[in-house]
Amino acid sequence: MAAASDAAAERGTGPAGFVIPVAGGVATFAGPDSPFNKVAGLGFGGTPGAADLTAIEEAFSARGAPVQVELAHLGDPATGMLLTSRGYRLTGFENVLGLALAGAPERAAAAGITVRPSAEAEFDTWLDVVTRGFAHPDDQDAQPHEQFPDAALAAAERDLAAAGAIRYVALRDGVVAGAASFRVAGDIAQLTGAATAPGHRRRGVQTALLSARLTDAAAAGCSIAVVAAQPGSRSQQNVQRQGFDLLYTRALLVRA
């Protein structure tokens, strides 16, 4: 979040962004409607002070944005009580899952599917798959709690790449059928999203993208991979089949 917001600041378009450390977490703003406009990790360094929250709320308000907090259940419980007392409302939950990468298996993919890193020259193709996949979630999945304009999503993905994310495409019989990315932070591999075009689902595309990223993450020296998913979603089922375990749940709290 901080690295992507810093990358957005480097672009220098739109309102000035910010990265504000707070109570073990960070509040970030990367531009209008950006997925990186939120507070993450709050509560792992104690309960934030009222003055800290006021400063953050004013910073978001000055940019015409609500404040969204991702609050892990492992954090200080007093943090949730403080937020609700200030008018924050619960809007949803996300699960964070992890997998130890020791002895990670070799790449595996169903017949007819190949996965490779995606070049900058095909960014628009990669983004098209991501936006179509997010706009048309799997029939078994709930609607995502967040939706973003295409322009904001494109800017965010470019910022994520500038922050070190590696993009991948999956081809099914030579056609780009899926897209994904991951980012290395120390010895942690952050799986930063994956999507399959609606016409190519149930063909092993997600499994192939996951396998490729895990193999490359292990080769890069990562000891654990982490991913966020909506509780009970097909995405969560897919990663659990590959051995991921639930690490924690985070509540999504928003103050208009």
Protein backbone atom coordinates (compact mmCIF):
# COMPACT_ATOMS: atom_id res chain seq x y z
CA MET A 1 0.00 0.00 0.00
CA ALA A 2 2.71 2.47 0.96
CA ALA A 3 4.92 1.53 -2.00
CA ALA A 4 2.07 1.84 -4.48
CA SER A 5 0.99 5.19 -3.03
CA ASP A 6 4.57 6.42 -3.29
CA ALA A 7 4.56 5.32 -6.94
CA ALA A 8 1.33 7.28 -7.49
CA ALA A 9 2.99 10.35 -6.02
CA GLU A 10 5.83 9.90 -8.51
CA ARG A 11 3.26 10.09 -11.32
CA GLY A 12 2.21 13.45 -9.91
CA THR A 13 -1.34 13.52 -11.28
CA GLY A 14 -4.46 14.49 -9.35
CA PRO A 15 -4.63 15.54 -5.69
CA ALA A 16 -1.49 15.09 -3.62
CA GLY A 17 -1.34 11.65 -2.06
CA PHE A 18 -0.06 10.69 1.37
CA VAL A 19 1.39 7.85 3.41
CA ILE A 20 0.77 8.23 7.16
CA PRO A 21 2.03 5.61 9.65
CA VAL A 22 -0.47 4.96 12.45
CA ALA A 23 -0.56 2.42 15.32
CA GLY A 24 1.39 -0.28 13.50
CA GLY A 25 -0.44 0.32 10.24
CA VAL A 26 -0.51 2.89 7.47
CA ALA A 27 -3.05 5.27 5.97
CA THR A 28 -2.58 5.86 2.25
CA PHE A 29 -4.15 7.92 -0.52
CA ALA A 30 -3.01 7.37 -4.12
CA GLY A 31 -5.58 9.33 -6.12
CA PRO A 32 -9.33 9.60 -6.72
CA ASP A 33 -11.13 6.23 -6.51
CA SER A 34 -7.85 4.32 -6.07
CA PRO A 35 -7.90 0.87 -4.43
CA PHE A 36 -4.99 2.14 -2.31
CA ASN A 37 -7.10 4.72 -0.48
CA LYS A 38 -7.48 3.07 2.92
CA VAL A 39 -5.97 2.31 6.32
CA ALA A 40 -4.33 -1.10 6.68
CA GLY A 41 -2.60 -2.90 9.54
CA LEU A 42 -4.27 -0.72 12.17
CA GLY A 43 -4.10 -2.03 15.73
CA PHE A 44 -0.91 -4.10 15.53
CA GLY A 45 1.00 -1.32 17.28
CA GLY A 46 -1.52 -0.48 19.97
CA THR A 47 -4.67 1.60 19.83
CA PRO A 48 -4.44 4.79 17.74
CA GLY A 49 -4.97 8.06 19.52
CA ALA A 50 -7.98 10.25 18.80
CA ALA A 51 -5.68 12.96 17.43
CA ASP A 52 -4.08 10.48 15.03
CA LEU A 53 -7.48 9.41 13.69
CA THR A 54 -8.65 13.00 13.39
CA ALA A 55 -5.60 13.91 11.30
CA ILE A 56 -6.20 10.93 9.00
CA GLU A 57 -9.92 11.63 8.67
CA GLU A 58 -9.20 15.26 7.78
CA ALA A 59 -6.61 14.20 5.21
CA PHE A 60 -9.12 11.94 3.43
CA SER A 61 -11.91 14.50 3.75
CA ALA A 62 -9.73 17.18 2.16
CA ARG A 63 -9.49 14.91 -0.90
CA GLY A 64 -13.21 14.15 -1.01
CA ALA A 65 -12.73 10.51 0.00
CA PRO A 66 -14.23 8.32 2.73
CA VAL A 67 -11.98 6.55 5.22
CA GLN A 68 -11.87 2.76 4.85
CA VAL A 69 -10.12 0.74 7.53
CA GLU A 70 -9.03 -2.89 7.16
CA LEU A 71 -9.03 -4.10 10.76
CA ALA A 72 -7.54 -7.53 11.44
CA HIS A 73 -9.12 -9.53 14.23
CA LEU A 74 -5.61 -10.15 15.61
CA GLY A 75 -5.19 -6.46 16.36
CA ASP A 76 -6.07 -4.67 19.58
CA PRO A 77 -9.87 -5.15 20.14
CA ALA A 78 -10.12 -1.63 21.57
CA THR A 79 -9.42 -0.28 18.10
CA GLY A 80 -12.74 -1.55 16.75
CA MET A 81 -14.62 0.00 19.64
CA LEU A 82 -12.88 3.32 19.05
CA LEU A 83 -13.73 3.32 15.35
CA THR A 84 -17.41 2.51 15.80
CA SER A 85 -17.66 5.26 18.41
CA ARG A 86 -16.43 7.68 15.72
CA GLY A 87 -19.09 6.68 13.21
CA TYR A 88 -17.33 3.92 11.26
CA ARG A 89 -19.72 1.28 9.90
CA LEU A 90 -19.02 -2.35 9.07
CA THR A 91 -19.29 -3.01 5.32
CA GLY A 92 -17.77 -6.48 4.90
CA PHE A 93 -15.01 -8.95 5.68
CA GLU A 94 -11.93 -10.36 3.95
CA ASN A 95 -9.87 -13.41 4.78
CA VAL A 96 -6.07 -13.44 4.55
CA LEU A 97 -4.60 -16.87 3.85
CA GLY A 98 -1.01 -18.08 3.82
CA LEU A 99 1.10 -20.95 2.50
CA ALA A 100 4.63 -21.97 3.52
CA LEU A 101 6.73 -22.25 0.36
CA ALA A 102 9.31 -24.76 1.57
CA GLY A 103 9.47 -27.51 -1.02
CA ALA A 104 7.11 -25.69 -3.40
CA PRO A 105 6.05 -27.94 -6.29
CA GLU A 106 7.07 -27.41 -9.88
CA ARG A 107 4.77 -25.47 -12.18
CA ALA A 108 1.63 -27.35 -13.15
CA ALA A 109 -1.05 -26.48 -15.70
CA ALA A 110 -3.90 -28.26 -17.44
CA ALA A 111 -3.51 -29.26 -21.07
CA GLY A 112 -3.73 -26.31 -23.42
CA ILE A 113 -2.86 -23.72 -20.75
CA THR A 114 0.48 -21.89 -20.51
CA VAL A 115 1.50 -19.12 -18.10
CA ARG A 116 4.21 -16.52 -18.67
CA PRO A 117 5.20 -13.08 -17.37
CA SER A 118 3.33 -10.29 -19.13
CA ALA A 119 5.32 -7.62 -20.97
CA GLU A 120 4.60 -3.91 -20.62
CA ALA A 121 3.61 -3.82 -24.29
CA GLU A 122 0.57 -5.99 -23.56
CA PHE A 123 -0.53 -4.10 -20.44
CA ASP A 124 -3.85 -3.11 -22.03
CA THR A 125 -4.62 -6.76 -22.82
CA TRP A 126 -3.67 -7.80 -19.29
CA LEU A 127 -5.81 -5.03 -17.79
CA ASP A 128 -8.78 -5.90 -20.00
CA VAL A 129 -8.83 -9.43 -18.59
CA VAL A 130 -8.54 -8.11 -15.03
CA THR A 131 -11.35 -5.57 -15.42
CA ARG A 132 -13.68 -8.03 -17.17
CA GLY A 133 -12.98 -10.67 -14.57
CA PHE A 134 -13.68 -8.30 -11.68
CA ALA A 135 -16.77 -6.85 -13.38
CA HIS A 136 -18.26 -10.33 -13.83
CA PRO A 137 -17.52 -12.31 -10.66
CA ASP A 138 -18.02 -16.05 -10.58
CA ASP A 139 -21.67 -17.12 -10.15
CA GLN A 140 -20.82 -18.65 -6.78
CA ASP A 141 -19.15 -15.49 -5.48
CA ALA A 142 -20.79 -12.57 -3.75
CA GLN A 143 -20.49 -9.20 -5.44
CA PRO A 144 -17.18 -7.57 -4.45
CA HIS A 145 -17.50 -4.98 -1.70
CA GLU A 146 -15.40 -2.55 -3.76
CA GLN A 147 -15.71 -1.55 -7.41
CA PHE A 148 -13.46 0.92 -9.20
CA PRO A 149 -13.64 2.93 -12.44
CA ASP A 150 -11.52 1.47 -15.22
CA ALA A 151 -9.19 4.50 -15.26
CA ALA A 152 -8.57 4.26 -11.51
CA LEU A 153 -7.96 0.52 -11.74
CA ALA A 154 -5.50 1.01 -14.62
CA ALA A 155 -3.59 3.66 -12.66
CA ALA A 156 -3.52 1.43 -9.58
CA GLU A 157 -2.16 -1.52 -11.52
CA ARG A 158 0.57 0.65 -13.03
CA ASP A 159 1.44 1.92 -9.55
CA LEU A 160 1.55 -1.65 -8.26
CA ALA A 161 3.93 -2.60 -11.06
CA ALA A 162 6.11 0.40 -10.19
CA ALA A 163 6.08 -0.90 -6.60
CA GLY A 164 7.54 -4.21 -7.80
CA ALA A 165 4.55 -6.35 -8.78
CA ILE A 166 5.17 -8.88 -11.55
CA ARG A 167 2.32 -9.43 -14.02
CA TYR A 168 1.40 -12.79 -15.58
CA VAL A 169 -0.95 -13.93 -18.31
CA ALA A 170 -2.43 -17.37 -18.81
CA LEU A 171 -3.07 -18.44 -22.38
CA ARG A 172 -5.64 -21.12 -23.20
CA ASP A 173 -5.14 -22.54 -26.66
CA GLY A 174 -3.16 -19.40 -27.51
CA VAL A 175 -5.76 -16.88 -26.27
CA VAL A 176 -5.18 -14.71 -23.20
CA ALA A 177 -7.66 -16.21 -20.73
CA GLY A 178 -6.39 -15.04 -17.34
CA ALA A 179 -4.21 -12.43 -15.66
CA ALA A 180 -2.52 -12.19 -12.28
CA SER A 181 0.37 -10.58 -10.39
CA PHE A 182 2.48 -10.95 -7.27
CA ARG A 183 4.95 -8.82 -5.34
CA VAL A 184 7.92 -9.74 -3.17
CA ALA A 185 8.23 -7.96 0.21
CA GLY A 186 11.19 -9.35 2.15
CA ASP A 187 10.57 -13.08 2.25
CA ILE A 188 6.82 -12.71 1.73
CA ALA A 189 5.14 -13.20 -1.64
CA GLN A 190 2.05 -11.03 -1.86
CA LEU A 191 -0.39 -12.46 -4.42
CA THR A 192 -1.88 -9.19 -5.63
CA GLY A 193 -4.88 -10.36 -7.60
CA ALA A 194 -5.94 -12.78 -10.33
CA ALA A 195 -8.84 -12.88 -12.76
CA THR A 196 -10.15 -15.21 -15.45
CA ALA A 197 -12.13 -14.01 -18.46
CA PRO A 198 -15.73 -15.25 -18.15
CA GLY A 199 -15.56 -17.50 -21.20
CA HIS A 200 -12.56 -19.43 -19.87
CA ARG A 201 -13.65 -20.36 -16.37
CA ARG A 202 -13.65 -23.93 -15.01
CA ARG A 203 -10.70 -24.79 -17.23
CA GLY A 204 -7.85 -24.62 -14.73
CA VAL A 205 -6.70 -21.08 -15.53
CA GLN A 206 -6.66 -19.88 -11.90
CA THR A 207 -4.83 -22.99 -10.76
CA ALA A 208 -2.17 -22.51 -13.44
CA LEU A 209 -1.67 -18.84 -12.53
CA LEU A 210 -1.39 -19.72 -8.85
CA SER A 211 1.10 -22.52 -9.50
CA ALA A 212 3.34 -20.31 -11.63
CA ARG A 213 3.44 -17.52 -9.06
CA LEU A 214 4.14 -19.87 -6.15
CA THR A 215 6.99 -21.54 -8.05
CA ASP A 216 8.54 -18.21 -8.99
CA ALA A 217 8.06 -16.85 -5.45
CA ALA A 218 9.90 -19.83 -3.98
CA ALA A 219 12.68 -19.37 -6.54
CA ALA A 220 12.91 -15.70 -5.47
CA GLY A 221 13.61 -16.77 -1.89
CA CYS A 222 10.17 -16.20 -0.38
CA SER A 223 9.25 -18.42 2.58
CA ILE A 224 5.51 -17.71 2.62
CA ALA A 225 2.83 -16.59 0.17
CA VAL A 226 -0.22 -14.60 1.29
CA VAL A 227 -3.47 -13.78 -0.46
CA ALA A 228 -6.72 -11.99 0.44
CA ALA A 229 -10.12 -13.39 -0.57
CA GLN A 230 -13.76 -12.87 0.17
CA PRO A 231 -14.95 -15.40 2.76
CA GLY A 232 -16.44 -18.47 1.10
CA SER A 233 -15.57 -17.31 -2.43
CA ARG A 234 -14.35 -19.55 -5.23
CA SER A 235 -11.00 -17.72 -5.00
CA GLN A 236 -10.68 -18.83 -1.38
CA GLN A 237 -11.64 -22.38 -2.32
CA ASN A 238 -9.03 -22.42 -5.08
CA VAL A 239 -6.15 -21.41 -2.81
CA GLN A 240 -7.25 -23.70 0.00
CA ARG A 241 -7.11 -26.62 -2.42
CA GLN A 242 -3.47 -25.66 -2.98
CA GLY A 243 -2.74 -25.85 0.76
CA PHE A 244 -3.35 -22.28 1.95
CA ASP A 245 -4.56 -21.88 5.54
CA LEU A 246 -6.54 -19.04 7.10
CA LEU A 247 -4.22 -16.60 8.89
CA TYR A 248 -6.75 -13.99 9.98
CA THR A 249 -9.97 -12.22 9.07
CA ARG A 250 -10.18 -8.48 8.67
CA ALA A 251 -13.27 -6.33 9.03
CA LEU A 252 -13.86 -3.49 6.59
CA LEU A 253 -15.05 -0.35 8.35
CA VAL A 254 -15.95 2.85 6.50
CA ARG A 255 -16.55 6.42 7.66
CA ALA A 256 -18.25 8.58 5.04
